[in-house]
N, C-alpha and C. Protein backbone atom coordinates (compact mmCIF):
# COMPACT_ATOMS: atom_id res chain seq x y z
N MET A 1 26.73 -7.94 -126.70
CA MET A 1 27.30 -8.59 -125.63
C MET A 1 26.31 -8.71 -124.49
N ILE A 2 26.55 -9.71 -123.82
CA ILE A 2 25.61 -10.00 -122.74
C ILE A 2 26.28 -9.57 -121.45
N LYS A 3 25.53 -8.91 -120.77
CA LYS A 3 26.06 -8.49 -119.48
C LYS A 3 25.48 -9.36 -118.38
N ILE A 4 26.34 -9.87 -117.56
CA ILE A 4 25.90 -10.68 -116.42
C ILE A 4 26.29 -9.90 -115.17
N ASN A 5 25.37 -9.74 -114.44
CA ASN A 5 25.59 -9.01 -113.20
C ASN A 5 25.83 -10.03 -112.10
N LEU A 6 27.02 -10.15 -111.65
CA LEU A 6 27.35 -11.11 -110.60
C LEU A 6 27.11 -10.53 -109.20
N ILE A 7 26.96 -9.32 -109.09
CA ILE A 7 26.76 -8.69 -107.78
C ILE A 7 25.31 -8.87 -107.34
N GLY A 8 24.48 -8.94 -108.13
CA GLY A 8 23.07 -9.08 -107.84
C GLY A 8 22.35 -7.77 -108.00
N GLU A 9 21.14 -7.86 -107.96
CA GLU A 9 20.35 -6.67 -108.16
C GLU A 9 20.28 -5.88 -106.87
N GLU A 10 20.21 -4.70 -107.06
CA GLU A 10 20.06 -3.87 -105.88
C GLU A 10 18.69 -4.10 -105.30
N LYS A 11 18.77 -4.13 -104.03
CA LYS A 11 17.47 -4.33 -103.38
C LYS A 11 16.68 -3.07 -103.58
N ARG A 12 15.59 -3.36 -104.05
CA ARG A 12 14.75 -2.21 -104.31
C ARG A 12 13.96 -1.88 -103.05
N LYS A 13 13.86 -0.69 -102.83
CA LYS A 13 13.08 -0.23 -101.69
C LYS A 13 11.62 -0.28 -102.07
N LYS A 14 10.90 -0.94 -101.16
CA LYS A 14 9.47 -1.02 -101.42
C LYS A 14 8.85 0.28 -100.96
N LYS A 15 8.03 0.69 -101.73
CA LYS A 15 7.34 1.90 -101.36
C LYS A 15 6.24 1.55 -100.37
N LYS A 16 6.18 2.34 -99.37
CA LYS A 16 5.13 2.12 -98.39
C LYS A 16 3.81 2.54 -98.99
N LYS A 17 2.88 1.65 -98.74
CA LYS A 17 1.57 1.96 -99.28
C LYS A 17 0.92 2.97 -98.35
N PRO A 18 0.24 3.84 -98.85
CA PRO A 18 -0.44 4.80 -97.98
C PRO A 18 -1.50 4.07 -97.14
N PHE A 19 -1.64 4.51 -95.91
CA PHE A 19 -2.57 3.90 -94.98
C PHE A 19 -3.97 4.17 -95.46
N LYS A 20 -4.69 3.08 -95.66
CA LYS A 20 -6.02 3.25 -96.22
C LYS A 20 -7.05 3.26 -95.09
N LEU A 21 -8.08 3.95 -95.30
CA LEU A 21 -9.17 4.07 -94.34
C LEU A 21 -9.86 2.74 -94.14
N ARG A 22 -9.79 1.90 -95.11
CA ARG A 22 -10.43 0.59 -95.03
C ARG A 22 -9.77 -0.25 -93.95
N ASN A 23 -8.49 -0.20 -93.81
CA ASN A 23 -7.77 -0.95 -92.78
C ASN A 23 -8.13 -0.44 -91.36
N VAL A 24 -8.32 0.84 -91.19
CA VAL A 24 -8.70 1.43 -89.91
C VAL A 24 -10.09 0.95 -89.51
N THR A 25 -10.99 0.91 -90.44
CA THR A 25 -12.35 0.46 -90.17
C THR A 25 -12.35 -1.01 -89.76
N THR A 26 -11.58 -1.81 -90.44
CA THR A 26 -11.48 -3.23 -90.10
C THR A 26 -10.91 -3.40 -88.70
N LEU A 27 -9.85 -2.64 -88.42
CA LEU A 27 -9.23 -2.70 -87.09
C LEU A 27 -10.23 -2.26 -86.01
N PHE A 28 -10.98 -1.23 -86.26
CA PHE A 28 -11.98 -0.74 -85.32
C PHE A 28 -13.06 -1.79 -85.07
N ILE A 29 -13.50 -2.44 -86.12
CA ILE A 29 -14.53 -3.49 -85.99
C ILE A 29 -13.99 -4.65 -85.17
N ILE A 30 -12.73 -5.04 -85.44
CA ILE A 30 -12.12 -6.15 -84.70
C ILE A 30 -12.02 -5.79 -83.21
N ILE A 31 -11.60 -4.57 -82.92
CA ILE A 31 -11.49 -4.12 -81.52
C ILE A 31 -12.86 -4.10 -80.86
N MET A 32 -13.87 -3.63 -81.56
CA MET A 32 -15.23 -3.59 -81.01
C MET A 32 -15.75 -5.00 -80.74
N VAL A 33 -15.51 -5.92 -81.65
CA VAL A 33 -15.96 -7.31 -81.47
C VAL A 33 -15.24 -7.92 -80.27
N LEU A 34 -13.94 -7.71 -80.19
CA LEU A 34 -13.19 -8.23 -79.04
C LEU A 34 -13.68 -7.62 -77.72
N THR A 35 -13.97 -6.32 -77.74
CA THR A 35 -14.48 -5.64 -76.54
C THR A 35 -15.83 -6.24 -76.14
N VAL A 36 -16.70 -6.43 -77.11
CA VAL A 36 -18.02 -7.02 -76.82
C VAL A 36 -17.86 -8.43 -76.27
N LEU A 37 -16.97 -9.22 -76.90
CA LEU A 37 -16.76 -10.59 -76.42
C LEU A 37 -16.18 -10.61 -75.00
N ILE A 38 -15.20 -9.76 -74.73
CA ILE A 38 -14.60 -9.72 -73.39
C ILE A 38 -15.63 -9.26 -72.37
N ASN A 39 -16.39 -8.22 -72.69
CA ASN A 39 -17.43 -7.74 -71.77
C ASN A 39 -18.52 -8.78 -71.58
N GLY A 40 -18.91 -9.46 -72.64
CA GLY A 40 -19.92 -10.52 -72.55
C GLY A 40 -19.43 -11.65 -71.67
N GLY A 41 -18.16 -12.03 -71.83
CA GLY A 41 -17.59 -13.10 -71.00
C GLY A 41 -17.53 -12.68 -69.53
N ALA A 42 -17.12 -11.44 -69.29
CA ALA A 42 -17.07 -10.94 -67.90
C ALA A 42 -18.47 -10.90 -67.31
N PHE A 43 -19.46 -10.45 -68.10
CA PHE A 43 -20.84 -10.40 -67.62
C PHE A 43 -21.34 -11.80 -67.29
N ALA A 44 -21.08 -12.76 -68.19
CA ALA A 44 -21.52 -14.13 -67.95
C ALA A 44 -20.87 -14.69 -66.70
N TYR A 45 -19.58 -14.44 -66.53
CA TYR A 45 -18.86 -14.93 -65.34
C TYR A 45 -19.46 -14.32 -64.07
N LEU A 46 -19.67 -13.01 -64.09
CA LEU A 46 -20.24 -12.34 -62.91
C LEU A 46 -21.67 -12.80 -62.66
N TYR A 47 -22.45 -12.99 -63.72
CA TYR A 47 -23.83 -13.46 -63.56
C TYR A 47 -23.87 -14.84 -62.93
N LEU A 48 -23.02 -15.74 -63.41
CA LEU A 48 -22.95 -17.09 -62.83
C LEU A 48 -22.48 -17.04 -61.38
N THR A 49 -21.52 -16.18 -61.11
CA THR A 49 -21.03 -16.04 -59.73
C THR A 49 -22.14 -15.55 -58.82
N VAL A 50 -22.87 -14.53 -59.24
CA VAL A 50 -23.98 -13.99 -58.45
C VAL A 50 -25.06 -15.06 -58.25
N THR A 51 -25.38 -15.79 -59.30
CA THR A 51 -26.38 -16.85 -59.20
C THR A 51 -25.95 -17.92 -58.20
N ASN A 52 -24.70 -18.33 -58.27
CA ASN A 52 -24.19 -19.34 -57.33
C ASN A 52 -24.22 -18.81 -55.90
N LEU A 53 -23.85 -17.54 -55.73
CA LEU A 53 -23.87 -16.95 -54.38
C LEU A 53 -25.29 -16.84 -53.84
N GLU A 54 -26.25 -16.51 -54.70
CA GLU A 54 -27.65 -16.45 -54.26
C GLU A 54 -28.16 -17.83 -53.85
N GLU A 55 -27.80 -18.85 -54.61
CA GLU A 55 -28.19 -20.22 -54.24
C GLU A 55 -27.55 -20.61 -52.91
N GLU A 56 -26.28 -20.27 -52.75
CA GLU A 56 -25.59 -20.57 -51.50
C GLU A 56 -26.23 -19.81 -50.33
N LYS A 57 -26.65 -18.57 -50.59
CA LYS A 57 -27.31 -17.77 -49.56
C LYS A 57 -28.62 -18.43 -49.13
N LYS A 58 -29.40 -18.91 -50.12
CA LYS A 58 -30.67 -19.59 -49.80
C LYS A 58 -30.42 -20.84 -48.96
N LYS A 59 -29.40 -21.62 -49.35
CA LYS A 59 -29.07 -22.82 -48.58
C LYS A 59 -28.65 -22.45 -47.16
N ASN A 60 -27.84 -21.39 -47.04
CA ASN A 60 -27.38 -20.95 -45.72
C ASN A 60 -28.53 -20.42 -44.87
N GLU A 61 -29.50 -19.76 -45.50
CA GLU A 61 -30.68 -19.29 -44.76
C GLU A 61 -31.49 -20.47 -44.22
N VAL A 62 -31.62 -21.52 -45.02
CA VAL A 62 -32.33 -22.72 -44.56
C VAL A 62 -31.57 -23.34 -43.39
N ILE A 63 -30.25 -23.44 -43.53
CA ILE A 63 -29.43 -24.00 -42.45
C ILE A 63 -29.53 -23.13 -41.20
N LEU A 64 -29.50 -21.79 -41.39
CA LEU A 64 -29.60 -20.86 -40.27
C LEU A 64 -30.94 -21.00 -39.56
N ALA A 65 -32.01 -21.12 -40.32
CA ALA A 65 -33.34 -21.30 -39.72
C ALA A 65 -33.37 -22.60 -38.91
N ASP A 66 -32.80 -23.66 -39.46
CA ASP A 66 -32.74 -24.94 -38.76
C ASP A 66 -31.93 -24.81 -37.48
N LEU A 67 -30.79 -24.13 -37.58
CA LEU A 67 -29.94 -23.93 -36.39
C LEU A 67 -30.64 -23.07 -35.33
N ASN A 68 -31.35 -22.03 -35.77
CA ASN A 68 -32.10 -21.20 -34.81
C ASN A 68 -33.17 -22.01 -34.10
N LYS A 69 -33.81 -22.91 -34.85
CA LYS A 69 -34.81 -23.79 -34.26
C LYS A 69 -34.15 -24.69 -33.21
N LYS A 70 -32.99 -25.23 -33.56
CA LYS A 70 -32.27 -26.09 -32.62
C LYS A 70 -31.78 -25.31 -31.41
N ILE A 71 -31.35 -24.06 -31.62
CA ILE A 71 -30.92 -23.21 -30.50
C ILE A 71 -32.09 -22.96 -29.56
N GLY A 72 -33.26 -22.69 -30.12
CA GLY A 72 -34.46 -22.51 -29.29
C GLY A 72 -34.78 -23.77 -28.51
N GLU A 73 -34.62 -24.91 -29.15
CA GLU A 73 -34.87 -26.19 -28.47
C GLU A 73 -33.85 -26.40 -27.35
N VAL A 74 -32.59 -26.05 -27.61
CA VAL A 74 -31.55 -26.20 -26.59
C VAL A 74 -31.85 -25.28 -25.41
N LYS A 75 -32.26 -24.04 -25.68
CA LYS A 75 -32.61 -23.12 -24.59
C LYS A 75 -33.77 -23.66 -23.77
N ARG A 76 -34.75 -24.22 -24.47
CA ARG A 76 -35.91 -24.80 -23.76
C ARG A 76 -35.45 -25.95 -22.88
N LEU A 77 -34.55 -26.79 -23.41
CA LEU A 77 -34.03 -27.91 -22.63
C LEU A 77 -33.20 -27.43 -21.44
N GLU A 78 -32.43 -26.35 -21.64
CA GLU A 78 -31.66 -25.79 -20.52
C GLU A 78 -32.60 -25.28 -19.43
N GLU A 79 -33.69 -24.62 -19.83
CA GLU A 79 -34.67 -24.15 -18.85
C GLU A 79 -35.28 -25.33 -18.11
N MET A 80 -35.58 -26.38 -18.86
CA MET A 80 -36.14 -27.58 -18.22
C MET A 80 -35.13 -28.19 -17.25
N ASN A 81 -33.84 -28.21 -17.64
CA ASN A 81 -32.80 -28.73 -16.74
C ASN A 81 -32.71 -27.90 -15.48
N LYS A 82 -32.79 -26.57 -15.61
CA LYS A 82 -32.77 -25.70 -14.43
C LYS A 82 -33.97 -25.99 -13.52
N GLU A 83 -35.13 -26.14 -14.15
CA GLU A 83 -36.34 -26.41 -13.38
C GLU A 83 -36.22 -27.76 -12.68
N ILE A 84 -35.69 -28.75 -13.38
CA ILE A 84 -35.51 -30.07 -12.77
C ILE A 84 -34.51 -29.99 -11.62
N ALA A 85 -33.42 -29.23 -11.82
CA ALA A 85 -32.43 -29.07 -10.75
C ALA A 85 -33.05 -28.37 -9.54
N ASN A 86 -33.89 -27.35 -9.79
CA ASN A 86 -34.56 -26.67 -8.67
C ASN A 86 -35.50 -27.62 -7.93
N ARG A 87 -36.24 -28.40 -8.69
CA ARG A 87 -37.15 -29.37 -8.07
C ARG A 87 -36.37 -30.43 -7.29
N LYS A 88 -35.24 -30.84 -7.85
CA LYS A 88 -34.39 -31.82 -7.18
C LYS A 88 -33.89 -31.25 -5.85
N ASN A 89 -33.46 -29.98 -5.87
CA ASN A 89 -33.00 -29.33 -4.64
C ASN A 89 -34.11 -29.23 -3.61
N ILE A 90 -35.31 -28.90 -4.08
CA ILE A 90 -36.46 -28.81 -3.17
C ILE A 90 -36.75 -30.17 -2.55
N ILE A 91 -36.74 -31.20 -3.38
CA ILE A 91 -36.99 -32.56 -2.87
C ILE A 91 -35.92 -32.97 -1.88
N GLN A 92 -34.65 -32.65 -2.19
CA GLN A 92 -33.58 -32.98 -1.25
C GLN A 92 -33.74 -32.22 0.06
N GLU A 93 -34.15 -30.96 -0.02
CA GLU A 93 -34.36 -30.16 1.19
C GLU A 93 -35.52 -30.73 2.01
N ILE A 94 -36.58 -31.12 1.31
CA ILE A 94 -37.73 -31.71 2.02
C ILE A 94 -37.33 -33.03 2.66
N THR A 95 -36.59 -33.84 1.91
CA THR A 95 -36.15 -35.13 2.45
C THR A 95 -35.22 -34.92 3.64
N LYS A 96 -34.36 -33.93 3.52
CA LYS A 96 -33.42 -33.63 4.60
C LYS A 96 -34.17 -33.14 5.85
N ASN A 97 -35.20 -32.30 5.63
CA ASN A 97 -35.95 -31.71 6.75
C ASN A 97 -37.18 -32.52 7.13
N LYS A 98 -37.34 -33.68 6.55
CA LYS A 98 -38.52 -34.50 6.81
C LYS A 98 -38.70 -34.83 8.29
N PRO A 99 -37.65 -35.19 9.01
CA PRO A 99 -37.85 -35.52 10.43
C PRO A 99 -38.15 -34.31 11.31
N ILE A 100 -37.93 -33.10 10.82
CA ILE A 100 -38.14 -31.92 11.65
C ILE A 100 -39.59 -31.79 12.12
N PRO A 101 -40.60 -31.88 11.24
CA PRO A 101 -41.98 -31.77 11.74
C PRO A 101 -42.33 -32.86 12.76
N ILE A 102 -41.80 -34.05 12.56
CA ILE A 102 -42.08 -35.13 13.51
C ILE A 102 -41.45 -34.81 14.87
N LYS A 103 -40.19 -34.38 14.84
CA LYS A 103 -39.52 -34.00 16.09
C LYS A 103 -40.22 -32.81 16.74
N LEU A 104 -40.64 -31.85 15.92
CA LEU A 104 -41.34 -30.67 16.43
C LEU A 104 -42.63 -31.08 17.13
N MET A 105 -43.40 -31.94 16.50
CA MET A 105 -44.65 -32.39 17.12
C MET A 105 -44.40 -33.16 18.42
N ASN A 106 -43.37 -34.02 18.43
CA ASN A 106 -43.05 -34.76 19.65
C ASN A 106 -42.64 -33.81 20.78
N GLU A 107 -41.80 -32.84 20.47
CA GLU A 107 -41.32 -31.89 21.49
C GLU A 107 -42.47 -31.06 22.02
N ILE A 108 -43.34 -30.59 21.13
CA ILE A 108 -44.49 -29.80 21.57
C ILE A 108 -45.41 -30.65 22.43
N ASN A 109 -45.61 -31.90 22.05
CA ASN A 109 -46.47 -32.80 22.82
C ASN A 109 -45.91 -33.01 24.23
N GLN A 110 -44.58 -33.13 24.33
CA GLN A 110 -43.97 -33.37 25.64
C GLN A 110 -44.00 -32.12 26.52
N THR A 111 -44.03 -30.92 25.92
CA THR A 111 -43.97 -29.69 26.71
C THR A 111 -45.34 -29.08 26.98
N MET A 112 -46.39 -29.65 26.43
CA MET A 112 -47.73 -29.08 26.62
C MET A 112 -48.30 -29.40 27.99
N PRO A 113 -48.70 -28.37 28.73
CA PRO A 113 -49.38 -28.63 30.01
C PRO A 113 -50.86 -28.95 29.78
N GLU A 114 -51.51 -29.39 30.82
CA GLU A 114 -52.96 -29.66 30.71
C GLU A 114 -53.71 -28.35 30.65
N GLY A 115 -54.83 -28.37 29.97
CA GLY A 115 -55.65 -27.18 29.84
C GLY A 115 -55.19 -26.27 28.70
N LEU A 116 -54.38 -26.82 27.79
CA LEU A 116 -53.88 -26.04 26.66
C LEU A 116 -54.10 -26.85 25.39
N TRP A 117 -54.64 -26.18 24.36
CA TRP A 117 -54.88 -26.84 23.08
C TRP A 117 -54.21 -26.05 21.95
N ILE A 118 -53.80 -26.78 20.94
CA ILE A 118 -53.19 -26.14 19.77
C ILE A 118 -54.19 -26.19 18.62
N THR A 119 -54.41 -25.02 17.99
CA THR A 119 -55.33 -24.95 16.86
C THR A 119 -54.59 -24.85 15.52
N GLY A 120 -53.31 -24.52 15.55
CA GLY A 120 -52.55 -24.43 14.30
C GLY A 120 -51.06 -24.33 14.56
N ILE A 121 -50.30 -24.99 13.67
CA ILE A 121 -48.83 -24.92 13.72
C ILE A 121 -48.34 -24.64 12.31
N LYS A 122 -47.44 -23.66 12.22
CA LYS A 122 -46.79 -23.36 10.94
C LYS A 122 -45.29 -23.43 11.16
N TYR A 123 -44.60 -24.04 10.21
CA TYR A 123 -43.14 -24.14 10.28
C TYR A 123 -42.56 -23.68 8.96
N GLU A 124 -41.69 -22.65 9.02
CA GLU A 124 -41.07 -22.13 7.81
C GLU A 124 -39.74 -21.48 8.17
N ASN A 125 -38.70 -21.85 7.42
CA ASN A 125 -37.36 -21.28 7.61
C ASN A 125 -36.89 -21.39 9.06
N LYS A 126 -37.07 -22.55 9.64
CA LYS A 126 -36.63 -22.87 11.00
C LYS A 126 -37.33 -22.03 12.08
N VAL A 127 -38.49 -21.49 11.75
CA VAL A 127 -39.30 -20.74 12.71
C VAL A 127 -40.66 -21.41 12.80
N ALA A 128 -41.06 -21.73 14.04
CA ALA A 128 -42.38 -22.35 14.26
C ALA A 128 -43.32 -21.30 14.85
N LYS A 129 -44.55 -21.34 14.39
CA LYS A 129 -45.58 -20.43 14.90
C LYS A 129 -46.74 -21.31 15.37
N ILE A 130 -47.09 -21.15 16.64
CA ILE A 130 -48.15 -21.98 17.23
C ILE A 130 -49.30 -21.07 17.64
N GLU A 131 -50.50 -21.46 17.26
CA GLU A 131 -51.72 -20.78 17.68
C GLU A 131 -52.56 -21.78 18.45
N GLY A 132 -53.25 -21.30 19.47
CA GLY A 132 -54.08 -22.21 20.25
C GLY A 132 -54.92 -21.48 21.27
N ILE A 133 -55.54 -22.30 22.13
CA ILE A 133 -56.35 -21.74 23.21
C ILE A 133 -55.98 -22.46 24.50
N ALA A 134 -56.18 -21.75 25.62
CA ALA A 134 -55.87 -22.32 26.94
C ALA A 134 -56.95 -21.87 27.91
N LEU A 135 -57.12 -22.68 28.95
CA LEU A 135 -58.13 -22.33 29.95
C LEU A 135 -57.65 -21.16 30.82
N THR A 136 -56.34 -21.11 31.07
CA THR A 136 -55.79 -20.05 31.92
C THR A 136 -54.51 -19.50 31.30
N ASN A 137 -54.16 -18.30 31.75
CA ASN A 137 -52.90 -17.71 31.32
C ASN A 137 -51.73 -18.49 31.89
N LEU A 138 -51.92 -19.12 33.05
CA LEU A 138 -50.86 -19.91 33.66
C LEU A 138 -50.48 -21.11 32.78
N SER A 139 -51.45 -21.67 32.10
CA SER A 139 -51.15 -22.77 31.18
C SER A 139 -50.26 -22.29 30.03
N ILE A 140 -50.55 -21.10 29.52
CA ILE A 140 -49.73 -20.53 28.43
C ILE A 140 -48.32 -20.26 28.94
N VAL A 141 -48.19 -19.66 30.14
CA VAL A 141 -46.88 -19.37 30.71
C VAL A 141 -46.11 -20.66 30.96
N GLY A 142 -46.77 -21.69 31.42
CA GLY A 142 -46.11 -22.98 31.65
C GLY A 142 -45.62 -23.58 30.34
N PHE A 143 -46.41 -23.46 29.31
CA PHE A 143 -46.01 -23.97 28.00
C PHE A 143 -44.76 -23.24 27.49
N ILE A 144 -44.77 -21.91 27.65
CA ILE A 144 -43.62 -21.11 27.21
C ILE A 144 -42.37 -21.50 28.00
N GLU A 145 -42.50 -21.68 29.30
CA GLU A 145 -41.35 -22.05 30.12
C GLU A 145 -40.83 -23.44 29.73
N ASN A 146 -41.74 -24.35 29.47
CA ASN A 146 -41.33 -25.70 29.04
C ASN A 146 -40.58 -25.64 27.70
N LEU A 147 -41.04 -24.80 26.76
CA LEU A 147 -40.36 -24.65 25.47
C LEU A 147 -38.98 -24.02 25.65
N LYS A 148 -38.88 -23.04 26.57
CA LYS A 148 -37.60 -22.39 26.82
C LYS A 148 -36.59 -23.38 27.39
N ASN A 149 -37.05 -24.31 28.19
CA ASN A 149 -36.16 -25.31 28.80
C ASN A 149 -35.84 -26.45 27.82
N SER A 150 -36.54 -26.49 26.73
CA SER A 150 -36.32 -27.54 25.74
C SER A 150 -35.05 -27.25 24.93
N LYS A 151 -34.38 -28.30 24.50
CA LYS A 151 -33.20 -28.15 23.65
C LYS A 151 -33.60 -27.94 22.19
N PHE A 152 -34.84 -28.08 21.90
CA PHE A 152 -35.35 -28.01 20.54
C PHE A 152 -35.79 -26.61 20.13
N ALA A 153 -36.05 -25.72 21.12
CA ALA A 153 -36.59 -24.40 20.82
C ALA A 153 -35.75 -23.30 21.48
N THR A 154 -35.56 -22.20 20.75
CA THR A 154 -34.90 -21.01 21.30
C THR A 154 -35.70 -19.78 20.88
N ASN A 155 -35.44 -18.68 21.54
CA ASN A 155 -36.11 -17.41 21.24
C ASN A 155 -37.63 -17.56 21.26
N VAL A 156 -38.16 -18.14 22.30
CA VAL A 156 -39.61 -18.32 22.42
C VAL A 156 -40.20 -16.94 22.72
N TYR A 157 -41.22 -16.57 21.92
CA TYR A 157 -41.80 -15.24 22.04
C TYR A 157 -43.32 -15.34 21.95
N LEU A 158 -43.99 -14.79 22.95
CA LEU A 158 -45.45 -14.75 22.97
C LEU A 158 -45.88 -13.51 22.20
N GLN A 159 -46.50 -13.69 21.07
CA GLN A 159 -46.91 -12.56 20.24
C GLN A 159 -48.24 -11.97 20.71
N GLU A 160 -49.13 -12.86 21.11
CA GLU A 160 -50.47 -12.37 21.45
C GLU A 160 -51.13 -13.32 22.44
N SER A 161 -51.85 -12.74 23.36
CA SER A 161 -52.67 -13.53 24.29
C SER A 161 -53.86 -12.65 24.67
N ASN A 162 -55.07 -13.13 24.39
CA ASN A 162 -56.26 -12.37 24.76
C ASN A 162 -57.40 -13.33 25.10
N GLN A 163 -58.30 -12.80 25.89
CA GLN A 163 -59.42 -13.62 26.35
C GLN A 163 -60.56 -13.51 25.35
N ILE A 164 -61.12 -14.68 25.00
CA ILE A 164 -62.24 -14.72 24.05
C ILE A 164 -63.33 -15.64 24.60
N ASP A 165 -64.49 -15.54 24.00
CA ASP A 165 -65.61 -16.40 24.37
C ASP A 165 -65.64 -17.55 23.35
N PHE A 166 -65.41 -18.78 23.84
CA PHE A 166 -65.40 -19.95 22.97
C PHE A 166 -66.48 -20.91 23.46
N GLU A 167 -67.56 -21.00 22.72
CA GLU A 167 -68.72 -21.83 23.06
C GLU A 167 -69.19 -21.58 24.50
N LYS A 168 -69.40 -20.31 24.80
CA LYS A 168 -69.92 -19.82 26.09
C LYS A 168 -68.96 -20.07 27.26
N VAL A 169 -67.66 -20.29 26.92
CA VAL A 169 -66.64 -20.44 27.95
C VAL A 169 -65.55 -19.41 27.67
N LEU A 170 -65.11 -18.72 28.70
CA LEU A 170 -64.03 -17.75 28.53
C LEU A 170 -62.70 -18.50 28.53
N VAL A 171 -61.95 -18.34 27.40
CA VAL A 171 -60.64 -18.98 27.24
C VAL A 171 -59.65 -17.92 26.76
N TYR A 172 -58.39 -18.30 26.78
CA TYR A 172 -57.34 -17.39 26.30
C TYR A 172 -56.80 -17.91 24.97
N ARG A 173 -56.88 -17.04 23.98
CA ARG A 173 -56.30 -17.37 22.68
C ARG A 173 -54.88 -16.83 22.66
N TYR A 174 -53.93 -17.65 22.14
CA TYR A 174 -52.53 -17.23 22.16
C TYR A 174 -51.88 -17.53 20.81
N ILE A 175 -50.83 -16.77 20.53
CA ILE A 175 -49.96 -17.00 19.36
C ILE A 175 -48.53 -16.83 19.86
N LEU A 176 -47.70 -17.85 19.63
CA LEU A 176 -46.31 -17.72 20.01
C LEU A 176 -45.40 -18.27 18.90
N THR A 177 -44.18 -17.77 18.86
CA THR A 177 -43.21 -18.21 17.85
C THR A 177 -41.90 -18.60 18.55
N PHE A 178 -41.12 -19.43 17.90
CA PHE A 178 -39.79 -19.79 18.40
C PHE A 178 -38.95 -20.35 17.26
N GLN A 179 -37.64 -20.27 17.46
CA GLN A 179 -36.67 -20.84 16.52
C GLN A 179 -36.50 -22.31 16.83
N VAL A 180 -36.52 -23.13 15.78
CA VAL A 180 -36.33 -24.56 15.95
C VAL A 180 -34.85 -24.87 15.78
N VAL A 181 -34.25 -25.55 16.78
CA VAL A 181 -32.84 -25.92 16.74
C VAL A 181 -32.78 -27.42 16.45
N ILE A 182 -32.02 -27.75 15.41
CA ILE A 182 -31.91 -29.17 15.03
C ILE A 182 -30.52 -29.65 15.32
């Protein structure tokens, strides 16, 4: 008689194969290869990054050198502008004070008595210094009094007056200062 099994065969349990050393070696090799590949890729990435950063650094150094050169040029131009501004101020001051020496000479000419000569005039910071010679001390005193009465001069001060021999003639050498009022 033939037996037909309608239930089916029992599932047979597969026996687990014992873990072979060959599989461990293969797994180890695969892990090592993957580790080498990952490390190689990371190294290549970092190397390219470092190379790009070094190139960028070189470009930035060139730009920095150019900018430093331009900064030096700008500083030089600023110094030149300051110098030009100072010169402009000096010219404006000279132009502004230009009539002062003319007025000073006119006023001195009008207040000079006879027998008095001027050998030098200096004008600085609204102070005039006059040096000269006179035949008598009275001429010097008259000149000082005339300057004191002038609206152009204040604080007239006789610094020095002494008798000297000038070409075999006894004369008085004098130095006086005063404030110029404009």
